[in-house]
Each structure stands twice: as structure tokens, then as C-alpha cells.
Amino acid sequence: MSRRKTERLLNLVICLLATRRPLSAEHIRQAVPGYDADNDEAFQRMFERDKNELREIGIPIEVHKDPWEEDPGYRIVRQAYELPEITLEPDEAAVVGLAAQVWQRASLAEAAGGALLKLRAGGVETDEAHGVLGGALELRVDTRDPSFPSLWEAVRDRRVVRFDYRGAASQNVLTRTVEPWGVVSRRGRWYMVGHDRDRDAPRVFRLSRIGGPVTTIGRPGAVVVPEGVDLKSMVGYSDDAVAERTALIRVREGTCQGLRQVARSVRPAGDGWDELEVDFTDPGRLAGWVVGFAADAEVLGPPDARDAVICRLKGVLT
């Protein structure tokens, strides 16, 4: 689905959720960005397709017949659209907590807010008292890699990027100029795949090895992604792949449910502590996770993982 169509469907959903009264097709046409304001036939075809697609994915668009109005009105009833209250068991809540660590940075909430502003400007009365956008659309992706937002925008806009990069085999930092094809997550790490102009070949770059700002070069639309390119396959079989190892972590009894969920084994260690075996590939990323549990977790080994935790804690104290 194209970005333009996705935005139009999102705008339509927000419009029909936010309105206090059913809206006619003509009102929707004027209020929702993306519809043809001049061609009646084209608008009708597009509007019918959009309604059908939303209904197919479970969004209940209701049609209201007003005896005093010639055209029917449309709206989405909040009670039919919203999920019922969800109760999670402790282990289920732990899994949700892990997932929440991933979603910490994205622009969907910003786009939705902009859409609502456009709808109000178009004359649609919005029901803000119930918080149509009250956090429900604030999905975020926390990669902990500062370069992620710039690279994501460059991929979206198909713009060439330039950045400083530290290779896997050495500590040398080189400036790279790349045509980005996509950003992919693998085993807790994020990678950018694209055509390296300096090497004149496709390359995979780990975001954690990018230093300093990412700058864009040239105009949007300059990057062309090759037909049939498999980004996940390129990341999965790149030279950047690192073998998994196992860390021994001591945690207090009844705490650190997120670590317990992913642990290979859990065994009592006495004096109110348990020992966990947790697989990892990047000591720095493991350290960033473990320090979040504060005094309830301690990495016992291997040495580089323990040292990474100590460095993180020293950075917090200084």
C-alpha cells in the first residue's frame, strides 16, 4: 500500500471517529485530504474502495439514513471500534513490556495529529473530549541509535545519505556515502541496507556503528531501490552477523520478569537471588537492557558483558 493511500485511510478513520454526527460523502470529500475535489466519478470509486478496505480489516463504518437529508451519512461508532478492557497475567505483561521497549520512536502520532487539525480546518466537529488521539496512536520505536530517525526519513524520501562509520574489523572511522534502500531489525539490532557509492556495491551498515550526524545529499526521489531486493536476507547473511553467546545474570527473586521470559534457564542461587542464562550478541545492548533493572540485576559474565554494564553505570554517575 502506498504512503499516500495509507495517509488517506488514516485520515478517513480519524474523521469518522472524531465526528459527532454522521457525515455525508460530500462533506468527507472536502474534509479528508487525498480525495479528488473535481472529479465526482473518481471520488465515488475511491471512496467506495476505501470503505470496503476498512470494513475488510474490521473497522465498522456505519451508514445513517436521515429522512431530512438526501444523502446518507457515515461514521464510526467508538464503542464498536474500540477494544474491550484487556487484563494481562504477570507473564503476559512482561512480554508486553519487552515489546514496549521497541516501540518508542515513530511519526504516526504526529501524522494523526496533523490529520485531525486538517479535519477541524475543514469544518468537521471533532469529539476531543474522548481523546480520539489520546495516546492510542502514539506508537514509538526506541532503537537507542541516534541515526535511526534520519535514516528512516532518508529511506522514506529516497535521499542519499552521508555519515561516519566504524567498521566491524577495525576501529577506523570512514565517511560513507550511501543510497539507502531500507532499515531492518535483526536480533535486537538495527541495520541500514543500501548501495555504497564509495564501494560501488550493496552494503549493510549497523546503526550502532554510525558516529555523528547523518546528512542528506541531493534531492528527494534520487534513490531507486532495485526490483526484487531482499533486505532481510541481506542483513541475515551479511558479514556483520555475530554469533550468539550466553551471559550469566544474577537477579533478585520475583523481579526482572522481562529477563526471565527470555532466559535460557533459571535456577535458584540462594539468599533471595536467582541465576539466569540469557543469550546475547552485543554486550553494549545487553548492558543497556540490564541497567534498566537497577540493583535487581547483576551480570556475572562473560567479562566484556560485565564491563559494558560497568561502563554504562559510570556514564550515569558522571
C-alpha atoms as a PDB file:
ATOM      1  CA  MET A   1       0.000   0.000   0.000  1.00  0.00           C
ATOM      2  CA  SER A   2       1.400   3.416  -0.958  1.00  0.00           C
ATOM      3  CA  ARG A   3       2.132   6.043   1.666  1.00  0.00           C
ATOM      4  CA  ARG A   4      -0.433   8.408   0.109  1.00  0.00           C
ATOM      5  CA  LYS A   5      -3.191   5.805   0.347  1.00  0.00           C
ATOM      6  CA  THR A   6      -2.222   4.876   3.905  1.00  0.00           C
ATOM      7  CA  GLU A   7      -2.442   8.516   4.967  1.00  0.00           C
ATOM      8  CA  ARG A   8      -5.817   8.915   3.253  1.00  0.00           C
ATOM      9  CA  LEU A   9      -7.248   5.850   5.016  1.00  0.00           C
ATOM     10  CA  LEU A  10      -5.874   7.039   8.348  1.00  0.00           C
ATOM     11  CA  ASN A  11      -7.405  10.465   7.771  1.00  0.00           C
ATOM     12  CA  LEU A  12     -10.745   8.858   6.900  1.00  0.00           C
ATOM     13  CA  VAL A  13     -10.759   6.730  10.064  1.00  0.00           C
ATOM     14  CA  ILE A  14      -9.909   9.737  12.254  1.00  0.00           C
ATOM     15  CA  CYS A  15     -12.586  11.807  10.532  1.00  0.00           C
ATOM     16  CA  LEU A  16     -15.319   9.216  11.071  1.00  0.00           C
ATOM     17  CA  LEU A  17     -14.219   8.558  14.664  1.00  0.00           C
ATOM     18  CA  ALA A  18     -13.935  12.211  15.615  1.00  0.00           C
ATOM     19  CA  THR A  19     -17.201  13.498  14.178  1.00  0.00           C
ATOM     20  CA  ARG A  20     -20.168  13.977  16.492  1.00  0.00           C
ATOM     21  CA  ARG A  21     -22.687  13.416  13.711  1.00  0.00           C
ATOM     22  CA  PRO A  22     -22.786  11.279  10.551  1.00  0.00           C
ATOM     23  CA  LEU A  23     -21.030  12.937   7.622  1.00  0.00           C
ATOM     24  CA  SER A  24     -22.184  12.892   4.025  1.00  0.00           C
ATOM     25  CA  ALA A  25     -19.855  11.690   1.291  1.00  0.00           C
ATOM     26  CA  GLU A  26     -19.523  15.253   0.020  1.00  0.00           C
ATOM     27  CA  HIS A  27     -18.516  16.520   3.469  1.00  0.00           C
ATOM     28  CA  ILE A  28     -15.944  13.747   3.742  1.00  0.00           C
ATOM     29  CA  ARG A  29     -14.667  14.611   0.282  1.00  0.00           C
ATOM     30  CA  GLN A  30     -13.990  18.191   1.374  1.00  0.00           C
ATOM     31  CA  ALA A  31     -12.599  17.337   4.817  1.00  0.00           C
ATOM     32  CA  VAL A  32     -10.330  14.356   4.152  1.00  0.00           C
ATOM     33  CA  PRO A  33      -7.094  15.104   2.271  1.00  0.00           C
ATOM     34  CA  GLY A  34      -6.386  12.827  -0.678  1.00  0.00           C
ATOM     35  CA  TYR A  35      -9.744  12.789  -2.430  1.00  0.00           C
ATOM     36  CA  ASP A  36     -10.295  14.329  -5.880  1.00  0.00           C
ATOM     37  CA  ALA A  37     -12.218  17.551  -5.347  1.00  0.00           C
ATOM     38  CA  ASP A  38     -13.062  17.991  -9.046  1.00  0.00           C
ATOM     39  CA  ASN A  39     -13.920  14.576 -10.495  1.00  0.00           C
ATOM     40  CA  ASP A  40     -17.169  13.216  -8.999  1.00  0.00           C
ATOM     41  CA  GLU A  41     -16.856   9.769 -10.563  1.00  0.00           C
ATOM     42  CA  ALA A  42     -13.246   9.299  -9.452  1.00  0.00           C
ATOM     43  CA  PHE A  43     -14.131  10.340  -5.904  1.00  0.00           C
ATOM     44  CA  GLN A  44     -17.052   7.908  -5.697  1.00  0.00           C
ATOM     45  CA  ARG A  45     -14.910   4.988  -6.881  1.00  0.00           C
ATOM     46  CA  MET A  46     -12.102   5.827  -4.460  1.00  0.00           C
ATOM     47  CA  PHE A  47     -14.459   6.379  -1.524  1.00  0.00           C
ATOM     48  CA  GLU A  48     -16.238   3.054  -2.116  1.00  0.00           C
ATOM     49  CA  ARG A  49     -12.901   1.214  -2.288  1.00  0.00           C
ATOM     50  CA  ASP A  50     -11.714   2.865   0.917  1.00  0.00           C
ATOM     51  CA  LYS A  51     -14.898   1.961   2.789  1.00  0.00           C
ATOM     52  CA  ASN A  52     -14.666  -1.651   1.642  1.00  0.00           C
ATOM     53  CA  GLU A  53     -10.988  -1.947   2.601  1.00  0.00           C
ATOM     54  CA  LEU A  54     -11.605  -0.547   6.075  1.00  0.00           C
ATOM     55  CA  ARG A  55     -14.522  -2.885   6.630  1.00  0.00           C
ATOM     56  CA  GLU A  56     -12.452  -5.857   5.460  1.00  0.00           C
ATOM     57  CA  ILE A  57      -9.903  -5.191   8.197  1.00  0.00           C
ATOM     58  CA  GLY A  58     -12.645  -4.956  10.824  1.00  0.00           C
ATOM     59  CA  ILE A  59     -13.334  -1.213  11.076  1.00  0.00           C
ATOM     60  CA  PRO A  60     -17.131  -0.801  11.415  1.00  0.00           C
ATOM     61  CA  ILE A  61     -18.294   2.077   9.207  1.00  0.00           C
ATOM     62  CA  GLU A  62     -21.980   2.702   9.809  1.00  0.00           C
ATOM     63  CA  VAL A  63     -24.407   4.238   7.310  1.00  0.00           C
ATOM     64  CA  HIS A  64     -27.154   6.522   8.675  1.00  0.00           C
ATOM     65  CA  LYS A  65     -30.279   7.470   6.715  1.00  0.00           C
ATOM     66  CA  ASP A  66     -31.692  10.848   7.728  1.00  0.00           C
ATOM     67  CA  PRO A  67     -35.248  11.414   6.422  1.00  0.00           C
ATOM     68  CA  TRP A  68     -34.489  15.138   6.217  1.00  0.00           C
ATOM     69  CA  GLU A  69     -31.310  14.662   4.205  1.00  0.00           C
ATOM     70  CA  GLU A  70     -30.994  13.444   0.621  1.00  0.00           C
ATOM     71  CA  ASP A  71     -27.619  11.716   1.067  1.00  0.00           C
ATOM     72  CA  PRO A  72     -26.709   9.128   3.729  1.00  0.00           C
ATOM     73  CA  GLY A  73     -24.199   9.894   6.444  1.00  0.00           C
ATOM     74  CA  TYR A  74     -21.218   7.860   7.636  1.00  0.00           C
ATOM     75  CA  ARG A  75     -19.470   7.493  10.990  1.00  0.00           C
ATOM     76  CA  ILE A  76     -17.556   5.006  13.125  1.00  0.00           C
ATOM     77  CA  VAL A  77     -19.179   4.347  16.491  1.00  0.00           C
ATOM     78  CA  ARG A  78     -16.488   4.359  19.159  1.00  0.00           C
ATOM     79  CA  GLN A  79     -17.997   1.506  21.187  1.00  0.00           C
ATOM     80  CA  ALA A  80     -17.934  -0.773  18.131  1.00  0.00           C
ATOM     81  CA  TYR A  81     -14.405   0.251  17.178  1.00  0.00           C
ATOM     82  CA  GLU A  82     -12.566   0.199  20.490  1.00  0.00           C
ATOM     83  CA  LEU A  83     -11.254  -2.977  22.077  1.00  0.00           C
ATOM     84  CA  PRO A  84     -12.755  -4.161  25.369  1.00  0.00           C
ATOM     85  CA  GLU A  85     -10.748  -3.835  28.561  1.00  0.00           C
ATOM     86  CA  ILE A  86      -7.776  -6.192  28.489  1.00  0.00           C
ATOM     87  CA  THR A  87      -6.457  -7.897  31.638  1.00  0.00           C
ATOM     88  CA  LEU A  88      -2.962  -9.353  31.466  1.00  0.00           C
ATOM     89  CA  GLU A  89      -1.359 -12.009  33.626  1.00  0.00           C
ATOM     90  CA  PRO A  90       2.094 -11.120  35.049  1.00  0.00           C
ATOM     91  CA  ASP A  91       3.964 -13.141  32.410  1.00  0.00           C
ATOM     92  CA  GLU A  92       1.877 -11.615  29.624  1.00  0.00           C
ATOM     93  CA  ALA A  93       2.526  -8.132  30.981  1.00  0.00           C
ATOM     94  CA  ALA A  94       6.245  -8.855  30.932  1.00  0.00           C
ATOM     95  CA  VAL A  95       6.102  -9.712  27.229  1.00  0.00           C
ATOM     96  CA  VAL A  96       4.165  -6.515  26.514  1.00  0.00           C
ATOM     97  CA  GLY A  97       6.797  -4.606  28.465  1.00  0.00           C
ATOM     98  CA  LEU A  98       9.520  -6.020  26.249  1.00  0.00           C
ATOM     99  CA  ALA A  99       7.585  -5.060  23.141  1.00  0.00           C
ATOM    100  CA  ALA A 100       7.112  -1.546  24.511  1.00  0.00           C
ATOM    101  CA  GLN A 101      10.877  -1.143  24.667  1.00  0.00           C
ATOM    102  CA  VAL A 102      10.938  -1.491  20.880  1.00  0.00           C
ATOM    103  CA  TRP A 103       8.144   0.953  20.004  1.00  0.00           C
ATOM    104  CA  GLN A 104       9.482   4.292  21.188  1.00  0.00           C
ATOM    105  CA  ARG A 105      10.100   6.363  18.081  1.00  0.00           C
ATOM    106  CA  ALA A 106       7.811   6.848  15.057  1.00  0.00           C
ATOM    107  CA  SER A 107       5.811   9.654  13.442  1.00  0.00           C
ATOM    108  CA  LEU A 108       2.362   8.032  13.348  1.00  0.00           C
ATOM    109  CA  ALA A 109       1.071  10.108  16.273  1.00  0.00           C
ATOM    110  CA  GLU A 110       2.394  13.287  14.627  1.00  0.00           C
ATOM    111  CA  ALA A 111       0.699  12.378  11.336  1.00  0.00           C
ATOM    112  CA  ALA A 112      -2.568  11.639  13.123  1.00  0.00           C
ATOM    113  CA  GLY A 113      -2.418  14.949  14.964  1.00  0.00           C
ATOM    114  CA  GLY A 114      -1.860  16.768  11.691  1.00  0.00           C
ATOM    115  CA  ALA A 115      -4.783  14.936  10.135  1.00  0.00           C
ATOM    116  CA  LEU A 116      -7.079  15.972  12.984  1.00  0.00           C
ATOM    117  CA  LEU A 117      -6.008  19.593  12.569  1.00  0.00           C
ATOM    118  CA  LYS A 118      -6.862  19.428   8.851  1.00  0.00           C
ATOM    119  CA  LEU A 119     -10.280  17.955   9.639  1.00  0.00           C
ATOM    120  CA  ARG A 120     -11.105  20.751  12.079  1.00  0.00           C
ATOM    121  CA  ALA A 121      -9.990  23.299   9.496  1.00  0.00           C
ATOM    122  CA  GLY A 122     -12.337  21.603   7.020  1.00  0.00           C
ATOM    123  CA  GLY A 123     -15.317  22.154   9.283  1.00  0.00           C
ATOM    124  CA  VAL A 124     -15.600  18.717  10.895  1.00  0.00           C
ATOM    125  CA  GLU A 125     -16.582  18.955  14.568  1.00  0.00           C
ATOM    126  CA  THR A 126     -14.236  16.645  16.445  1.00  0.00           C
ATOM    127  CA  ASP A 127     -15.006  14.897  19.704  1.00  0.00           C
ATOM    128  CA  GLU A 128     -11.784  15.647  21.592  1.00  0.00           C
ATOM    129  CA  ALA A 129     -13.317  15.055  24.998  1.00  0.00           C
ATOM    130  CA  HIS A 130     -12.931  11.315  24.478  1.00  0.00           C
ATOM    131  CA  GLY A 131      -9.387  11.705  23.243  1.00  0.00           C
ATOM    132  CA  VAL A 132      -9.532  10.267  19.736  1.00  0.00           C
ATOM    133  CA  LEU A 133      -5.764  10.561  19.641  1.00  0.00           C
ATOM    134  CA  GLY A 134      -5.252  10.350  23.384  1.00  0.00           C
ATOM    135  CA  GLY A 135      -2.223   8.109  23.209  1.00  0.00           C
ATOM    136  CA  ALA A 136      -3.869   5.324  21.206  1.00  0.00           C
ATOM    137  CA  LEU A 137      -1.876   6.220  18.121  1.00  0.00           C
ATOM    138  CA  GLU A 138       1.353   7.218  19.863  1.00  0.00           C
ATOM    139  CA  LEU A 139       3.420   4.276  18.729  1.00  0.00           C
ATOM    140  CA  ARG A 140       7.133   4.772  19.173  1.00  0.00           C
ATOM    141  CA  VAL A 141      10.235   2.869  18.179  1.00  0.00           C
ATOM    142  CA  ASP A 142      13.181   3.213  20.548  1.00  0.00           C
ATOM    143  CA  THR A 143      16.208   1.911  18.685  1.00  0.00           C
ATOM    144  CA  ARG A 144      18.669   3.684  21.022  1.00  0.00           C
ATOM    145  CA  ASP A 145      20.553   4.513  17.839  1.00  0.00           C
ATOM    146  CA  PRO A 146      20.609   8.298  17.236  1.00  0.00           C
ATOM    147  CA  SER A 147      20.912   7.806  13.497  1.00  0.00           C
ATOM    148  CA  PHE A 148      17.592   5.941  13.173  1.00  0.00           C
ATOM    149  CA  PRO A 149      15.243   8.935  12.611  1.00  0.00           C
ATOM    150  CA  SER A 150      17.467  10.487   9.944  1.00  0.00           C
ATOM    151  CA  LEU A 151      17.934   7.188   8.109  1.00  0.00           C
ATOM    152  CA  TRP A 152      14.230   6.328   8.298  1.00  0.00           C
ATOM    153  CA  GLU A 153      13.346   9.717   6.792  1.00  0.00           C
ATOM    154  CA  ALA A 154      16.011   9.300   4.100  1.00  0.00           C
ATOM    155  CA  VAL A 155      14.583   5.887   3.133  1.00  0.00           C
ATOM    156  CA  ARG A 156      11.086   7.350   3.071  1.00  0.00           C
ATOM    157  CA  ASP A 157      12.153  10.315   0.921  1.00  0.00           C
ATOM    158  CA  ARG A 158      14.619   8.242  -1.187  1.00  0.00           C
ATOM    159  CA  ARG A 159      17.535  10.584  -0.453  1.00  0.00           C
ATOM    160  CA  VAL A 160      21.270   9.856  -0.438  1.00  0.00           C
ATOM    161  CA  VAL A 161      22.946   9.999   2.997  1.00  0.00           C
ATOM    162  CA  ARG A 162      26.484  10.567   4.266  1.00  0.00           C
ATOM    163  CA  PHE A 163      27.817   9.547   7.691  1.00  0.00           C
ATOM    164  CA  ASP A 164      30.909   8.417   9.603  1.00  0.00           C
ATOM    165  CA  TYR A 165      31.092   4.650  10.108  1.00  0.00           C
ATOM    166  CA  ARG A 166      33.286   2.371  12.218  1.00  0.00           C
ATOM    167  CA  GLY A 167      33.836  -0.991  10.543  1.00  0.00           C
ATOM    168  CA  ALA A 168      33.440  -4.351  12.275  1.00  0.00           C
ATOM    169  CA  ALA A 169      37.024  -5.465  11.738  1.00  0.00           C
ATOM    170  CA  SER A 170      38.771  -2.268  12.901  1.00  0.00           C
ATOM    171  CA  GLN A 171      38.345   0.913  14.888  1.00  0.00           C
ATOM    172  CA  ASN A 172      38.956   3.100  11.820  1.00  0.00           C
ATOM    173  CA  VAL A 173      36.168   5.584  11.102  1.00  0.00           C
ATOM    174  CA  LEU A 174      35.469   6.340   7.450  1.00  0.00           C
ATOM    175  CA  THR A 175      32.962   8.644   5.808  1.00  0.00           C
ATOM    176  CA  ARG A 176      30.455   6.706   3.708  1.00  0.00           C
ATOM    177  CA  THR A 177      28.030   7.923   1.062  1.00  0.00           C
ATOM    178  CA  VAL A 178      25.077   5.562   0.649  1.00  0.00           C
ATOM    179  CA  GLU A 179      21.839   5.264  -1.294  1.00  0.00           C
ATOM    180  CA  PRO A 180      19.579   3.805   1.448  1.00  0.00           C
ATOM    181  CA  TRP A 181      17.139   1.054   0.480  1.00  0.00           C
ATOM    182  CA  GLY A 182      15.677   0.249   3.880  1.00  0.00           C
ATOM    183  CA  VAL A 183      16.153  -0.061   7.644  1.00  0.00           C
ATOM    184  CA  VAL A 184      15.819  -3.570   9.102  1.00  0.00           C
ATOM    185  CA  SER A 185      15.863  -5.009  12.634  1.00  0.00           C
ATOM    186  CA  ARG A 186      17.598  -8.316  13.350  1.00  0.00           C
ATOM    187  CA  ARG A 187      18.147  -9.911  16.754  1.00  0.00           C
ATOM    188  CA  GLY A 188      17.683  -6.648  18.615  1.00  0.00           C
ATOM    189  CA  ARG A 189      19.972  -4.601  16.368  1.00  0.00           C
ATOM    190  CA  TRP A 190      19.099  -2.226  13.547  1.00  0.00           C
ATOM    191  CA  TYR A 191      20.744  -2.154  10.131  1.00  0.00           C
ATOM    192  CA  MET A 192      20.563   0.073   7.086  1.00  0.00           C
ATOM    193  CA  VAL A 193      20.846  -1.625   3.696  1.00  0.00           C
ATOM    194  CA  GLY A 194      21.794   0.310   0.590  1.00  0.00           C
ATOM    195  CA  HIS A 195      24.195   0.979  -2.248  1.00  0.00           C
ATOM    196  CA  ASP A 196      27.575   2.184  -1.007  1.00  0.00           C
ATOM    197  CA  ARG A 197      28.793   4.728  -3.552  1.00  0.00           C
ATOM    198  CA  ASP A 198      32.358   4.547  -2.207  1.00  0.00           C
ATOM    199  CA  ARG A 199      32.481   0.770  -2.697  1.00  0.00           C
ATOM    200  CA  ASP A 200      30.122   0.817  -5.700  1.00  0.00           C
ATOM    201  CA  ALA A 201      28.327  -2.208  -4.245  1.00  0.00           C
ATOM    202  CA  PRO A 202      25.428  -3.117  -1.919  1.00  0.00           C
ATOM    203  CA  ARG A 203      26.382  -2.968   1.751  1.00  0.00           C
ATOM    204  CA  VAL A 204      24.853  -3.475   5.204  1.00  0.00           C
ATOM    205  CA  PHE A 205      25.551  -0.921   7.967  1.00  0.00           C
ATOM    206  CA  ARG A 206      24.849  -1.468  11.641  1.00  0.00           C
ATOM    207  CA  LEU A 207      23.308   1.668  13.111  1.00  0.00           C
ATOM    208  CA  SER A 208      25.216   1.371  16.400  1.00  0.00           C
ATOM    209  CA  ARG A 209      28.485   1.859  14.449  1.00  0.00           C
ATOM    210  CA  ILE A 210      27.391   5.122  12.883  1.00  0.00           C
ATOM    211  CA  GLY A 211      29.002   8.089  14.611  1.00  0.00           C
ATOM    212  CA  GLY A 212      27.923  11.700  14.473  1.00  0.00           C
ATOM    213  CA  PRO A 213      25.070  13.163  12.430  1.00  0.00           C
ATOM    214  CA  VAL A 214      23.601  11.672   9.260  1.00  0.00           C
ATOM    215  CA  THR A 215      23.360  14.266   6.499  1.00  0.00           C
ATOM    216  CA  THR A 216      21.232  14.051   3.372  1.00  0.00           C
ATOM    217  CA  ILE A 217      22.595  14.843  -0.083  1.00  0.00           C
ATOM    218  CA  GLY A 218      20.713  15.921  -3.186  1.00  0.00           C
ATOM    219  CA  ARG A 219      17.008  15.987  -3.821  1.00  0.00           C
ATOM    220  CA  PRO A 220      14.269  13.590  -2.676  1.00  0.00           C
ATOM    221  CA  GLY A 221      13.491  10.753  -5.075  1.00  0.00           C
ATOM    222  CA  ALA A 222      17.084  10.276  -6.212  1.00  0.00           C
ATOM    223  CA  VAL A 223      17.415   6.764  -4.742  1.00  0.00           C
ATOM    224  CA  VAL A 224      15.965   3.860  -6.723  1.00  0.00           C
ATOM    225  CA  VAL A 225      15.532   0.567  -4.867  1.00  0.00           C
ATOM    226  CA  PRO A 226      16.341  -2.388  -7.165  1.00  0.00           C
ATOM    227  CA  GLU A 227      13.485  -4.689  -8.116  1.00  0.00           C
ATOM    228  CA  GLY A 228      13.285  -7.861  -6.033  1.00  0.00           C
ATOM    229  CA  VAL A 229      15.899  -6.824  -3.445  1.00  0.00           C
ATOM    230  CA  ASP A 230      15.509  -8.834  -0.196  1.00  0.00           C
ATOM    231  CA  LEU A 231      16.638  -6.585   2.642  1.00  0.00           C
ATOM    232  CA  LYS A 232      16.111  -9.151   5.402  1.00  0.00           C
ATOM    233  CA  SER A 233      18.117 -11.743   3.550  1.00  0.00           C
ATOM    234  CA  MET A 234      20.959  -9.279   3.045  1.00  0.00           C
ATOM    235  CA  VAL A 235      21.035  -8.456   6.751  1.00  0.00           C
ATOM    236  CA  GLY A 236      20.720 -12.081   7.806  1.00  0.00           C
ATOM    237  CA  TYR A 237      23.650 -13.225   5.701  1.00  0.00           C
ATOM    238  CA  SER A 238      25.845 -10.152   5.970  1.00  0.00           C
ATOM    239  CA  ASP A 239      29.381 -10.203   7.286  1.00  0.00           C
ATOM    240  CA  ASP A 240      28.101  -8.143  10.192  1.00  0.00           C
ATOM    241  CA  ALA A 241      26.382 -11.153  11.743  1.00  0.00           C
ATOM    242  CA  VAL A 242      27.826 -12.116  15.120  1.00  0.00           C
ATOM    243  CA  ALA A 243      27.498 -15.472  16.854  1.00  0.00           C
ATOM    244  CA  GLU A 244      25.272 -15.588  19.925  1.00  0.00           C
ATOM    245  CA  ARG A 245      26.807 -16.071  23.363  1.00  0.00           C
ATOM    246  CA  THR A 246      25.337 -16.681  26.796  1.00  0.00           C
ATOM    247  CA  ALA A 247      25.506 -14.271  29.727  1.00  0.00           C
ATOM    248  CA  LEU A 248      25.132 -15.315  33.360  1.00  0.00           C
ATOM    249  CA  ILE A 249      22.951 -12.791  35.188  1.00  0.00           C
ATOM    250  CA  ARG A 250      22.012 -12.737  38.877  1.00  0.00           C
ATOM    251  CA  VAL A 251      18.566 -11.293  39.674  1.00  0.00           C
ATOM    252  CA  ARG A 252      16.523 -10.866  42.825  1.00  0.00           C
ATOM    253  CA  GLU A 253      13.672 -13.325  43.381  1.00  0.00           C
ATOM    254  CA  GLY A 254      10.369 -12.069  41.987  1.00  0.00           C
ATOM    255  CA  THR A 255      11.937  -9.309  39.861  1.00  0.00           C
ATOM    256  CA  CYS A 256      13.210  -8.793  36.303  1.00  0.00           C
ATOM    257  CA  GLN A 257      10.313 -10.582  34.606  1.00  0.00           C
ATOM    258  CA  GLY A 258      11.488  -9.405  31.184  1.00  0.00           C
ATOM    259  CA  LEU A 259      14.872 -11.117  31.620  1.00  0.00           C
ATOM    260  CA  ARG A 260      13.224 -14.238  32.984  1.00  0.00           C
ATOM    261  CA  GLN A 261      10.981 -14.508  29.946  1.00  0.00           C
ATOM    262  CA  VAL A 262      13.901 -14.675  27.506  1.00  0.00           C
ATOM    263  CA  ALA A 263      16.294 -16.633  29.720  1.00  0.00           C
ATOM    264  CA  ARG A 264      17.542 -19.990  28.518  1.00  0.00           C
ATOM    265  CA  SER A 265      17.495 -21.279  32.118  1.00  0.00           C
ATOM    266  CA  VAL A 266      16.597 -20.004  35.594  1.00  0.00           C
ATOM    267  CA  ARG A 267      17.974 -21.579  38.789  1.00  0.00           C
ATOM    268  CA  PRO A 268      17.959 -20.585  42.477  1.00  0.00           C
ATOM    269  CA  ALA A 269      21.219 -19.058  43.731  1.00  0.00           C
ATOM    270  CA  GLY A 270      20.292 -18.665  47.393  1.00  0.00           C
ATOM    271  CA  ASP A 271      19.940 -15.619  49.671  1.00  0.00           C
ATOM    272  CA  GLY A 272      16.974 -14.330  47.687  1.00  0.00           C
ATOM    273  CA  TRP A 273      18.667 -14.449  44.274  1.00  0.00           C
ATOM    274  CA  ASP A 274      18.276 -16.456  41.062  1.00  0.00           C
ATOM    275  CA  GLU A 275      20.763 -17.024  38.238  1.00  0.00           C
ATOM    276  CA  LEU A 276      19.690 -16.648  34.610  1.00  0.00           C
ATOM    277  CA  GLU A 277      21.373 -17.707  31.393  1.00  0.00           C
ATOM    278  CA  VAL A 278      20.497 -15.185  28.669  1.00  0.00           C
ATOM    279  CA  ASP A 279      21.654 -15.342  25.042  1.00  0.00           C
ATOM    280  CA  PHE A 280      23.101 -12.142  23.566  1.00  0.00           C
ATOM    281  CA  THR A 281      25.275 -10.908  20.703  1.00  0.00           C
ATOM    282  CA  ASP A 282      26.039  -7.270  21.546  1.00  0.00           C
ATOM    283  CA  PRO A 283      27.474  -6.573  25.049  1.00  0.00           C
ATOM    284  CA  GLY A 284      26.525  -2.894  24.811  1.00  0.00           C
ATOM    285  CA  ARG A 285      22.911  -3.627  24.015  1.00  0.00           C
ATOM    286  CA  LEU A 286      22.698  -6.252  26.752  1.00  0.00           C
ATOM    287  CA  ALA A 287      24.153  -3.738  29.202  1.00  0.00           C
ATOM    288  CA  GLY A 288      21.602  -1.118  28.173  1.00  0.00           C
ATOM    289  CA  TRP A 289      18.835  -3.579  28.982  1.00  0.00           C
ATOM    290  CA  VAL A 290      20.259  -4.872  32.257  1.00  0.00           C
ATOM    291  CA  VAL A 291      20.973  -1.471  33.813  1.00  0.00           C
ATOM    292  CA  GLY A 292      17.283  -0.688  33.464  1.00  0.00           C
ATOM    293  CA  PHE A 293      16.637  -3.173  36.279  1.00  0.00           C
ATOM    294  CA  ALA A 294      18.992  -1.209  38.568  1.00  0.00           C
ATOM    295  CA  ALA A 295      20.074  -3.099  41.688  1.00  0.00           C
ATOM    296  CA  ASP A 296      17.824  -6.085  40.920  1.00  0.00           C
ATOM    297  CA  ALA A 297      20.170  -7.462  38.226  1.00  0.00           C
ATOM    298  CA  GLU A 298      23.912  -8.089  38.017  1.00  0.00           C
ATOM    299  CA  VAL A 299      25.871  -9.523  35.091  1.00  0.00           C
ATOM    300  CA  LEU A 300      28.370 -12.104  36.325  1.00  0.00           C
ATOM    301  CA  GLY A 301      29.897 -12.927  32.952  1.00  0.00           C
ATOM    302  CA  PRO A 302      31.331 -13.034  30.372  1.00  0.00           C
ATOM    303  CA  PRO A 303      33.841 -10.262  31.233  1.00  0.00           C
ATOM    304  CA  ASP A 304      33.071  -7.994  28.254  1.00  0.00           C
ATOM    305  CA  ALA A 305      29.348  -8.026  29.070  1.00  0.00           C
ATOM    306  CA  ARG A 306      30.072  -7.218  32.713  1.00  0.00           C
ATOM    307  CA  ASP A 307      32.474  -4.437  31.683  1.00  0.00           C
ATOM    308  CA  ALA A 308      29.810  -2.983  29.368  1.00  0.00           C
ATOM    309  CA  VAL A 309      27.396  -2.748  32.317  1.00  0.00           C
ATOM    310  CA  ILE A 310      30.048  -1.057  34.479  1.00  0.00           C
ATOM    311  CA  CYS A 311      30.727   1.482  31.711  1.00  0.00           C
ATOM    312  CA  ARG A 312      27.016   2.236  31.424  1.00  0.00           C
ATOM    313  CA  LEU A 313      26.702   2.785  35.176  1.00  0.00           C
ATOM    314  CA  LYS A 314      29.780   5.008  35.257  1.00  0.00           C
ATOM    315  CA  GLY A 315      28.289   7.063  32.451  1.00  0.00           C
ATOM    316  CA  VAL A 316      25.143   7.597  34.513  1.00  0.00           C
ATOM    317  CA  LEU A 317      27.112   8.694  37.573  1.00  0.00           C
ATOM    318  CA  THR A 318      29.391  11.153  35.742  1.00  0.00           C
END
